[in-house]
Amino acid sequence: MAITKETEISKIEIVNNCIIQVRTDTVVKEDGVEISRSMHRHSLVPCGHDGTEDWNWTDTDVSGEDSQVQAVANAVWTNDVKTAYKAKIEAQG
């Protein structure tokens, strides 16, 4: 009897034109047959600021993300998208 545990990216969505939502499934199998599946979601924004009044922005580091997520971020997070995101957040705050 062999028990294995795998993780897989099951969904990548773009919301609000720039926020990337990632769903990762953890699948447990016994002798190749799935016996359990759990899901986890996390979101990524194109950049973040340091919280000061100066609004010092830093691009989000996606180097630790799955290569599929990195490819989506590189395609979606253009300079124009980052500029628009920053302006939206600064206007709210």
PDB file of N, CA and C in Angstrom:
ATOM      1  N   MET A   1       0.854  -1.173   0.000  1.00  0.00           N
ATOM      2  CA  MET A   1       0.000   0.000   0.000  1.00  0.00           C
ATOM      3  C   MET A   1       0.899   1.236   0.000  1.00  0.00           C
ATOM      4  N   ALA A   2       0.777   2.032  -1.064  1.00  0.00           N
ATOM      5  CA  ALA A   2       1.582   3.247  -1.192  1.00  0.00           C
ATOM      6  C   ALA A   2       0.686   4.478  -1.068  1.00  0.00           C
ATOM      7  N   ILE A   3       1.041   5.333  -0.120  1.00  0.00           N
ATOM      8  CA  ILE A   3       0.323   6.598   0.071  1.00  0.00           C
ATOM      9  C   ILE A   3       1.219   7.714  -0.489  1.00  0.00           C
ATOM     10  N   THR A   4       0.639   8.550  -1.348  1.00  0.00           N
ATOM     11  CA  THR A   4       1.380   9.677  -1.901  1.00  0.00           C
ATOM     12  C   THR A   4       0.594  10.960  -1.666  1.00  0.00           C
ATOM     13  N   LYS A   5       1.315  12.058  -1.643  1.00  0.00           N
ATOM     14  CA  LYS A   5       0.703  13.374  -1.486  1.00  0.00           C
ATOM     15  C   LYS A   5       1.297  14.282  -2.544  1.00  0.00           C
ATOM     16  N   GLU A   6       0.428  14.903  -3.337  1.00  0.00           N
ATOM     17  CA  GLU A   6       0.860  15.777  -4.416  1.00  0.00           C
ATOM     18  C   GLU A   6       0.171  17.125  -4.291  1.00  0.00           C
ATOM     19  N   THR A   7       0.848  18.159  -4.758  1.00  0.00           N
ATOM     20  CA  THR A   7       0.197  19.465  -4.855  1.00  0.00           C
ATOM     21  C   THR A   7       0.154  19.847  -6.330  1.00  0.00           C
ATOM     22  N   GLU A   8      -0.934  20.514  -6.694  1.00  0.00           N
ATOM     23  CA  GLU A   8      -1.083  20.936  -8.081  1.00  0.00           C
ATOM     24  C   GLU A   8      -1.839  22.258  -8.140  1.00  0.00           C
ATOM     25  N   ILE A   9      -1.451  23.089  -9.077  1.00  0.00           N
ATOM     26  CA  ILE A   9      -2.168  24.329  -9.318  1.00  0.00           C
ATOM     27  C   ILE A   9      -3.421  23.947 -10.102  1.00  0.00           C
ATOM     28  N   SER A  10      -4.586  24.196  -9.530  1.00  0.00           N
ATOM     29  CA  SER A  10      -5.820  23.789 -10.199  1.00  0.00           C
ATOM     30  C   SER A  10      -6.542  24.957 -10.851  1.00  0.00           C
ATOM     31  N   LYS A  11      -6.197  26.183 -10.457  1.00  0.00           N
ATOM     32  CA  LYS A  11      -6.867  27.325 -11.058  1.00  0.00           C
ATOM     33  C   LYS A  11      -6.017  28.577 -10.864  1.00  0.00           C
ATOM     34  N   ILE A  12      -5.919  29.365 -11.928  1.00  0.00           N
ATOM     35  CA  ILE A  12      -5.298  30.688 -11.858  1.00  0.00           C
ATOM     36  C   ILE A  12      -6.299  31.654 -12.480  1.00  0.00           C
ATOM     37  N   GLU A  13      -6.701  32.651 -11.707  1.00  0.00           N
ATOM     38  CA  GLU A  13      -7.687  33.619 -12.182  1.00  0.00           C
ATOM     39  C   GLU A  13      -7.132  35.030 -12.065  1.00  0.00           C
ATOM     40  N   ILE A  14      -7.561  35.892 -12.980  1.00  0.00           N
ATOM     41  CA  ILE A  14      -7.219  37.308 -12.915  1.00  0.00           C
ATOM     42  C   ILE A  14      -8.504  38.048 -12.543  1.00  0.00           C
ATOM     43  N   VAL A  15      -8.473  38.794 -11.446  1.00  0.00           N
ATOM     44  CA  VAL A  15      -9.637  39.569 -11.030  1.00  0.00           C
ATOM     45  C   VAL A  15      -9.248  41.039 -10.922  1.00  0.00           C
ATOM     46  N   ASN A  16     -10.211  41.892 -11.138  1.00  0.00           N
ATOM     47  CA  ASN A  16      -9.994  43.345 -11.089  1.00  0.00           C
ATOM     48  C   ASN A  16      -8.827  43.781 -11.971  1.00  0.00           C
ATOM     49  N   ASN A  17      -8.646  43.104 -13.099  1.00  0.00           N
ATOM     50  CA  ASN A  17      -7.641  43.421 -14.115  1.00  0.00           C
ATOM     51  C   ASN A  17      -6.195  43.206 -13.704  1.00  0.00           C
ATOM     52  N   CYS A  18      -5.914  42.869 -12.439  1.00  0.00           N
ATOM     53  CA  CYS A  18      -4.493  42.718 -12.097  1.00  0.00           C
ATOM     54  C   CYS A  18      -4.226  41.811 -10.898  1.00  0.00           C
ATOM     55  N   ILE A  19      -5.226  41.447 -10.145  1.00  0.00           N
ATOM     56  CA  ILE A  19      -5.003  40.587  -8.981  1.00  0.00           C
ATOM     57  C   ILE A  19      -5.051  39.130  -9.449  1.00  0.00           C
ATOM     58  N   ILE A  20      -4.020  38.385  -9.102  1.00  0.00           N
ATOM     59  CA  ILE A  20      -3.946  36.982  -9.488  1.00  0.00           C
ATOM     60  C   ILE A  20      -4.373  36.128  -8.299  1.00  0.00           C
ATOM     61  N   GLN A  21      -5.388  35.296  -8.520  1.00  0.00           N
ATOM     62  CA  GLN A  21      -5.822  34.341  -7.503  1.00  0.00           C
ATOM     63  C   GLN A  21      -5.359  32.950  -7.928  1.00  0.00           C
ATOM     64  N   VAL A  22      -4.746  32.245  -6.991  1.00  0.00           N
ATOM     65  CA  VAL A  22      -4.201  30.921  -7.272  1.00  0.00           C
ATOM     66  C   VAL A  22      -4.858  29.910  -6.346  1.00  0.00           C
ATOM     67  N   ARG A  23      -5.382  28.835  -6.936  1.00  0.00           N
ATOM     68  CA  ARG A  23      -5.911  27.739  -6.120  1.00  0.00           C
ATOM     69  C   ARG A  23      -4.969  26.553  -6.265  1.00  0.00           C
ATOM     70  N   THR A  24      -4.490  26.071  -5.131  1.00  0.00           N
ATOM     71  CA  THR A  24      -3.603  24.915  -5.089  1.00  0.00           C
ATOM     72  C   THR A  24      -4.342  23.770  -4.413  1.00  0.00           C
ATOM     73  N   ASP A  25      -4.354  22.624  -5.050  1.00  0.00           N
ATOM     74  CA  ASP A  25      -4.971  21.434  -4.481  1.00  0.00           C
ATOM     75  C   ASP A  25      -3.884  20.525  -3.916  1.00  0.00           C
ATOM     76  N   THR A  26      -4.154  19.952  -2.768  1.00  0.00           N
ATOM     77  CA  THR A  26      -3.300  18.915  -2.199  1.00  0.00           C
ATOM     78  C   THR A  26      -4.075  17.609  -2.318  1.00  0.00           C
ATOM     79  N   VAL A  27      -3.493  16.664  -3.043  1.00  0.00           N
ATOM     80  CA  VAL A  27      -4.175  15.406  -3.337  1.00  0.00           C
ATOM     81  C   VAL A  27      -3.423  14.263  -2.663  1.00  0.00           C
ATOM     82  N   VAL A  28      -4.165  13.475  -1.888  1.00  0.00           N
ATOM     83  CA  VAL A  28      -3.601  12.285  -1.243  1.00  0.00           C
ATOM     84  C   VAL A  28      -4.151  11.071  -1.981  1.00  0.00           C
ATOM     85  N   LYS A  29      -3.229  10.184  -2.373  1.00  0.00           N
ATOM     86  CA  LYS A  29      -3.625   8.981  -3.104  1.00  0.00           C
ATOM     87  C   LYS A  29      -3.123   7.735  -2.393  1.00  0.00           C
ATOM     88  N   GLU A  30      -3.916   6.705  -2.506  1.00  0.00           N
ATOM     89  CA  GLU A  30      -3.510   5.388  -2.007  1.00  0.00           C
ATOM     90  C   GLU A  30      -3.492   4.449  -3.203  1.00  0.00           C
ATOM     91  N   ASP A  31      -2.330   3.898  -3.488  1.00  0.00           N
ATOM     92  CA  ASP A  31      -2.150   3.029  -4.654  1.00  0.00           C
ATOM     93  C   ASP A  31      -2.676   3.686  -5.933  1.00  0.00           C
ATOM     94  N   GLY A  32      -2.417   4.996  -6.067  1.00  0.00           N
ATOM     95  CA  GLY A  32      -2.804   5.717  -7.276  1.00  0.00           C
ATOM     96  C   GLY A  32      -4.244   6.189  -7.315  1.00  0.00           C
ATOM     97  N   VAL A  33      -5.029   5.850  -6.294  1.00  0.00           N
ATOM     98  CA  VAL A  33      -6.440   6.251  -6.247  1.00  0.00           C
ATOM     99  C   VAL A  33      -6.587   7.401  -5.260  1.00  0.00           C
ATOM    100  N   GLU A  34      -7.203   8.486  -5.722  1.00  0.00           N
ATOM    101  CA  GLU A  34      -7.390   9.654  -4.861  1.00  0.00           C
ATOM    102  C   GLU A  34      -8.306   9.314  -3.686  1.00  0.00           C
ATOM    103  N   ILE A  35      -7.823   9.619  -2.472  1.00  0.00           N
ATOM    104  CA  ILE A  35      -8.641   9.381  -1.285  1.00  0.00           C
ATOM    105  C   ILE A  35      -8.953  10.677  -0.534  1.00  0.00           C
ATOM    106  N   SER A  36      -8.248  11.746  -0.892  1.00  0.00           N
ATOM    107  CA  SER A  36      -8.474  13.017  -0.210  1.00  0.00           C
ATOM    108  C   SER A  36      -7.984  14.162  -1.090  1.00  0.00           C
ATOM    109  N   ARG A  37      -8.703  15.295  -1.021  1.00  0.00           N
ATOM    110  CA  ARG A  37      -8.295  16.501  -1.738  1.00  0.00           C
ATOM    111  C   ARG A  37      -8.669  17.701  -0.888  1.00  0.00           C
ATOM    112  N   SER A  38      -7.725  18.595  -0.709  1.00  0.00           N
ATOM    113  CA  SER A  38      -8.014  19.846  -0.020  1.00  0.00           C
ATOM    114  C   SER A  38      -7.500  20.988  -0.886  1.00  0.00           C
ATOM    115  N   MET A  39      -8.109  22.161  -0.715  1.00  0.00           N
ATOM    116  CA  MET A  39      -7.769  23.301  -1.559  1.00  0.00           C
ATOM    117  C   MET A  39      -7.348  24.487  -0.714  1.00  0.00           C
ATOM    118  N   HIS A  40      -6.429  25.252  -1.266  1.00  0.00           N
ATOM    119  CA  HIS A  40      -5.950  26.478  -0.633  1.00  0.00           C
ATOM    120  C   HIS A  40      -5.893  27.558  -1.705  1.00  0.00           C
ATOM    121  N   ARG A  41      -6.317  28.766  -1.352  1.00  0.00           N
ATOM    122  CA  ARG A  41      -6.249  29.895  -2.278  1.00  0.00           C
ATOM    123  C   ARG A  41      -5.358  30.980  -1.700  1.00  0.00           C
ATOM    124  N   HIS A  42      -4.663  31.656  -2.591  1.00  0.00           N
ATOM    125  CA  HIS A  42      -3.949  32.866  -2.196  1.00  0.00           C
ATOM    126  C   HIS A  42      -3.981  33.849  -3.362  1.00  0.00           C
ATOM    127  N   SER A  43      -3.837  35.105  -3.035  1.00  0.00           N
ATOM    128  CA  SER A  43      -3.896  36.166  -4.032  1.00  0.00           C
ATOM    129  C   SER A  43      -2.573  36.917  -4.088  1.00  0.00           C
ATOM    130  N   LEU A  44      -2.291  37.435  -5.263  1.00  0.00           N
ATOM    131  CA  LEU A  44      -1.082  38.219  -5.483  1.00  0.00           C
ATOM    132  C   LEU A  44      -1.460  39.532  -6.165  1.00  0.00           C
ATOM    133  N   VAL A  45      -0.906  40.608  -5.681  1.00  0.00           N
ATOM    134  CA  VAL A  45      -1.101  41.916  -6.301  1.00  0.00           C
ATOM    135  C   VAL A  45       0.207  42.308  -6.978  1.00  0.00           C
ATOM    136  N   PRO A  46       0.147  43.206  -7.978  1.00  0.00           N
ATOM    137  CA  PRO A  46       1.359  43.501  -8.741  1.00  0.00           C
ATOM    138  C   PRO A  46       2.460  44.208  -7.958  1.00  0.00           C
ATOM    139  N   CYS A  47       2.084  44.938  -6.915  1.00  0.00           N
ATOM    140  CA  CYS A  47       3.088  45.659  -6.137  1.00  0.00           C
ATOM    141  C   CYS A  47       2.495  46.033  -4.786  1.00  0.00           C
ATOM    142  N   GLY A  48       3.375  46.388  -3.865  1.00  0.00           N
ATOM    143  CA  GLY A  48       2.943  46.788  -2.529  1.00  0.00           C
ATOM    144  C   GLY A  48       3.715  48.010  -2.090  1.00  0.00           C
ATOM    145  N   HIS A  49       3.177  48.693  -1.086  1.00  0.00           N
ATOM    146  CA  HIS A  49       3.875  49.890  -0.597  1.00  0.00           C
ATOM    147  C   HIS A  49       4.237  49.700   0.869  1.00  0.00           C
ATOM    148  N   ASP A  50       5.108  50.560   1.340  1.00  0.00           N
ATOM    149  CA  ASP A  50       5.650  50.403   2.687  1.00  0.00           C
ATOM    150  C   ASP A  50       4.775  51.009   3.780  1.00  0.00           C
ATOM    151  N   GLY A  51       3.646  51.598   3.414  1.00  0.00           N
ATOM    152  CA  GLY A  51       2.735  52.145   4.415  1.00  0.00           C
ATOM    153  C   GLY A  51       3.068  53.551   4.869  1.00  0.00           C
ATOM    154  N   THR A  52       4.124  54.127   4.346  1.00  0.00           N
ATOM    155  CA  THR A  52       4.478  55.496   4.732  1.00  0.00           C
ATOM    156  C   THR A  52       3.705  56.488   3.867  1.00  0.00           C
ATOM    157  N   GLU A  53       3.765  57.726   4.246  1.00  0.00           N
ATOM    158  CA  GLU A  53       3.102  58.766   3.462  1.00  0.00           C
ATOM    159  C   GLU A  53       3.771  58.975   2.115  1.00  0.00           C
ATOM    160  N   ASP A  54       4.988  58.489   1.954  1.00  0.00           N
ATOM    161  CA  ASP A  54       5.722  58.651   0.699  1.00  0.00           C
ATOM    162  C   ASP A  54       5.282  57.646  -0.375  1.00  0.00           C
ATOM    163  N   TRP A  55       4.511  56.646   0.015  1.00  0.00           N
ATOM    164  CA  TRP A  55       4.030  55.623  -0.916  1.00  0.00           C
ATOM    165  C   TRP A  55       5.194  55.009  -1.701  1.00  0.00           C
ATOM    166  N   ASN A  56       6.144  54.439  -0.985  1.00  0.00           N
ATOM    167  CA  ASN A  56       7.267  53.753  -1.632  1.00  0.00           C
ATOM    168  C   ASN A  56       6.809  52.370  -2.076  1.00  0.00           C
ATOM    169  N   TRP A  57       6.773  52.140  -3.375  1.00  0.00           N
ATOM    170  CA  TRP A  57       6.250  50.912  -3.954  1.00  0.00           C
ATOM    171  C   TRP A  57       7.365  49.933  -4.305  1.00  0.00           C
ATOM    172  N   THR A  58       7.062  48.637  -4.176  1.00  0.00           N
ATOM    173  CA  THR A  58       7.967  47.564  -4.558  1.00  0.00           C
ATOM    174  C   THR A  58       7.170  46.543  -5.368  1.00  0.00           C
ATOM    175  N   ASP A  59       7.723  46.104  -6.492  1.00  0.00           N
ATOM    176  CA  ASP A  59       7.066  45.061  -7.282  1.00  0.00           C
ATOM    177  C   ASP A  59       6.995  43.772  -6.465  1.00  0.00           C
ATOM    178  N   THR A  60       5.915  43.045  -6.632  1.00  0.00           N
ATOM    179  CA  THR A  60       5.743  41.774  -5.932  1.00  0.00           C
ATOM    180  C   THR A  60       6.711  40.739  -6.494  1.00  0.00           C
ATOM    181  N   ASP A  61       7.419  40.056  -5.596  1.00  0.00           N
ATOM    182  CA  ASP A  61       8.362  39.007  -5.971  1.00  0.00           C
ATOM    183  C   ASP A  61       7.595  37.693  -6.132  1.00  0.00           C
ATOM    184  N   VAL A  62       7.554  37.172  -7.349  1.00  0.00           N
ATOM    185  CA  VAL A  62       6.850  35.915  -7.595  1.00  0.00           C
ATOM    186  C   VAL A  62       7.820  34.756  -7.840  1.00  0.00           C
ATOM    187  N   SER A  63       9.092  34.962  -7.509  1.00  0.00           N
ATOM    188  CA  SER A  63      10.097  33.935  -7.782  1.00  0.00           C
ATOM    189  C   SER A  63       9.829  32.631  -7.033  1.00  0.00           C
ATOM    190  N   GLY A  64       9.108  32.682  -5.928  1.00  0.00           N
ATOM    191  CA  GLY A  64       8.794  31.476  -5.175  1.00  0.00           C
ATOM    192  C   GLY A  64       7.504  30.798  -5.610  1.00  0.00           C
ATOM    193  N   GLU A  65       6.828  31.379  -6.582  1.00  0.00           N
ATOM    194  CA  GLU A  65       5.578  30.820  -7.085  1.00  0.00           C
ATOM    195  C   GLU A  65       5.849  29.766  -8.157  1.00  0.00           C
ATOM    196  N   ASP A  66       4.854  28.944  -8.416  1.00  0.00           N
ATOM    197  CA  ASP A  66       4.905  27.959  -9.483  1.00  0.00           C
ATOM    198  C   ASP A  66       5.195  28.663 -10.815  1.00  0.00           C
ATOM    199  N   SER A  67       5.859  27.982 -11.736  1.00  0.00           N
ATOM    200  CA  SER A  67       6.228  28.597 -13.009  1.00  0.00           C
ATOM    201  C   SER A  67       5.012  29.070 -13.803  1.00  0.00           C
ATOM    202  N   GLN A  68       3.874  28.389 -13.658  1.00  0.00           N
ATOM    203  CA  GLN A  68       2.648  28.830 -14.335  1.00  0.00           C
ATOM    204  C   GLN A  68       2.210  30.194 -13.805  1.00  0.00           C
ATOM    205  N   VAL A  69       2.280  30.376 -12.502  1.00  0.00           N
ATOM    206  CA  VAL A  69       1.887  31.635 -11.879  1.00  0.00           C
ATOM    207  C   VAL A  69       2.859  32.736 -12.286  1.00  0.00           C
ATOM    208  N   GLN A  70       4.133  32.423 -12.320  1.00  0.00           N
ATOM    209  CA  GLN A  70       5.140  33.401 -12.754  1.00  0.00           C
ATOM    210  C   GLN A  70       4.859  33.861 -14.184  1.00  0.00           C
ATOM    211  N   ALA A  71       4.513  32.935 -15.055  1.00  0.00           N
ATOM    212  CA  ALA A  71       4.237  33.283 -16.452  1.00  0.00           C
ATOM    213  C   ALA A  71       3.026  34.205 -16.562  1.00  0.00           C
ATOM    214  N   VAL A  72       1.993  33.918 -15.788  1.00  0.00           N
ATOM    215  CA  VAL A  72       0.798  34.768 -15.801  1.00  0.00           C
ATOM    216  C   VAL A  72       1.140  36.159 -15.276  1.00  0.00           C
ATOM    217  N   ALA A  73       1.861  36.226 -14.177  1.00  0.00           N
ATOM    218  CA  ALA A  73       2.238  37.524 -13.605  1.00  0.00           C
ATOM    219  C   ALA A  73       3.067  38.335 -14.597  1.00  0.00           C
ATOM    220  N   ASN A  74       4.007  37.699 -15.252  1.00  0.00           N
ATOM    221  CA  ASN A  74       4.853  38.403 -16.222  1.00  0.00           C
ATOM    222  C   ASN A  74       4.044  38.909 -17.413  1.00  0.00           C
ATOM    223  N   ALA A  75       3.001  38.177 -17.786  1.00  0.00           N
ATOM    224  CA  ALA A  75       2.167  38.594 -18.914  1.00  0.00           C
ATOM    225  C   ALA A  75       1.180  39.693 -18.524  1.00  0.00           C
ATOM    226  N   VAL A  76       0.623  39.599 -17.330  1.00  0.00           N
ATOM    227  CA  VAL A  76      -0.458  40.505 -16.916  1.00  0.00           C
ATOM    228  C   VAL A  76       0.070  41.798 -16.303  1.00  0.00           C
ATOM    229  N   TRP A  77       1.115  41.703 -15.511  1.00  0.00           N
ATOM    230  CA  TRP A  77       1.588  42.869 -14.764  1.00  0.00           C
ATOM    231  C   TRP A  77       2.520  43.746 -15.594  1.00  0.00           C
ATOM    232  N   THR A  78       1.962  44.397 -16.592  1.00  0.00           N
ATOM    233  CA  THR A  78       2.719  45.345 -17.401  1.00  0.00           C
ATOM    234  C   THR A  78       2.953  46.617 -16.589  1.00  0.00           C
ATOM    235  N   ASN A  79       3.811  47.488 -17.075  1.00  0.00           N
ATOM    236  CA  ASN A  79       4.049  48.758 -16.389  1.00  0.00           C
ATOM    237  C   ASN A  79       2.766  49.584 -16.299  1.00  0.00           C
ATOM    238  N   ASP A  80       1.944  49.566 -17.348  1.00  0.00           N
ATOM    239  CA  ASP A  80       0.676  50.302 -17.320  1.00  0.00           C
ATOM    240  C   ASP A  80      -0.262  49.752 -16.245  1.00  0.00           C
ATOM    241  N   VAL A  81      -0.303  48.436 -16.106  1.00  0.00           N
ATOM    242  CA  VAL A  81      -1.157  47.813 -15.087  1.00  0.00           C
ATOM    243  C   VAL A  81      -0.667  48.189 -13.693  1.00  0.00           C
ATOM    244  N   LYS A  82       0.635  48.150 -13.477  1.00  0.00           N
ATOM    245  CA  LYS A  82       1.196  48.515 -12.169  1.00  0.00           C
ATOM    246  C   LYS A  82       0.904  49.978 -11.843  1.00  0.00           C
ATOM    247  N   THR A  83       1.051  50.858 -12.826  1.00  0.00           N
ATOM    248  CA  THR A  83       0.781  52.281 -12.605  1.00  0.00           C
ATOM    249  C   THR A  83      -0.678  52.504 -12.243  1.00  0.00           C
ATOM    250  N   ALA A  84      -1.590  51.838 -12.953  1.00  0.00           N
ATOM    251  CA  ALA A  84      -3.021  51.972 -12.665  1.00  0.00           C
ATOM    252  C   ALA A  84      -3.356  51.420 -11.281  1.00  0.00           C
ATOM    253  N   TYR A  85      -2.745  50.294 -10.904  1.00  0.00           N
ATOM    254  CA  TYR A  85      -2.987  49.708  -9.586  1.00  0.00           C
ATOM    255  C   TYR A  85      -2.519  50.662  -8.487  1.00  0.00           C
ATOM    256  N   LYS A  86      -1.335  51.206  -8.642  1.00  0.00           N
ATOM    257  CA  LYS A  86      -0.797  52.150  -7.652  1.00  0.00           C
ATOM    258  C   LYS A  86      -1.716  53.353  -7.505  1.00  0.00           C
ATOM    259  N   ALA A  87      -2.166  53.904  -8.622  1.00  0.00           N
ATOM    260  CA  ALA A  87      -3.050  55.089  -8.577  1.00  0.00           C
ATOM    261  C   ALA A  87      -4.359  54.760  -7.864  1.00  0.00           C
ATOM    262  N   LYS A  88      -4.897  53.584  -8.109  1.00  0.00           N
ATOM    263  CA  LYS A  88      -6.149  53.167  -7.469  1.00  0.00           C
ATOM    264  C   LYS A  88      -5.974  53.056  -5.952  1.00  0.00           C
ATOM    265  N   ILE A  89      -4.895  52.424  -5.513  1.00  0.00           N
ATOM    266  CA  ILE A  89      -4.655  52.235  -4.088  1.00  0.00           C
ATOM    267  C   ILE A  89      -4.372  53.566  -3.413  1.00  0.00           C
ATOM    268  N   GLU A  90      -3.582  54.412  -4.035  1.00  0.00           N
ATOM    269  CA  GLU A  90      -3.275  55.723  -3.447  1.00  0.00           C
ATOM    270  C   GLU A  90      -4.530  56.578  -3.330  1.00  0.00           C
ATOM    271  N   ALA A  91      -5.439  56.480  -4.301  1.00  0.00           N
ATOM    272  CA  ALA A  91      -6.684  57.240  -4.255  1.00  0.00           C
ATOM    273  C   ALA A  91      -7.579  56.780  -3.110  1.00  0.00           C
ATOM    274  N   GLN A  92      -7.485  55.496  -2.741  1.00  0.00           N
ATOM    275  CA  GLN A  92      -8.296  54.953  -1.650  1.00  0.00           C
ATOM    276  C   GLN A  92      -7.732  55.318  -0.279  1.00  0.00           C
ATOM    277  N   GLY A  93      -6.421  55.585  -0.251  1.00  0.00           N
ATOM    278  CA  GLY A  93      -5.785  55.710   1.046  1.00  0.00           C
ATOM    279  C   GLY A  93      -5.410  57.061   1.426  1.00  0.00           C
TER     280      GLY A  93
END
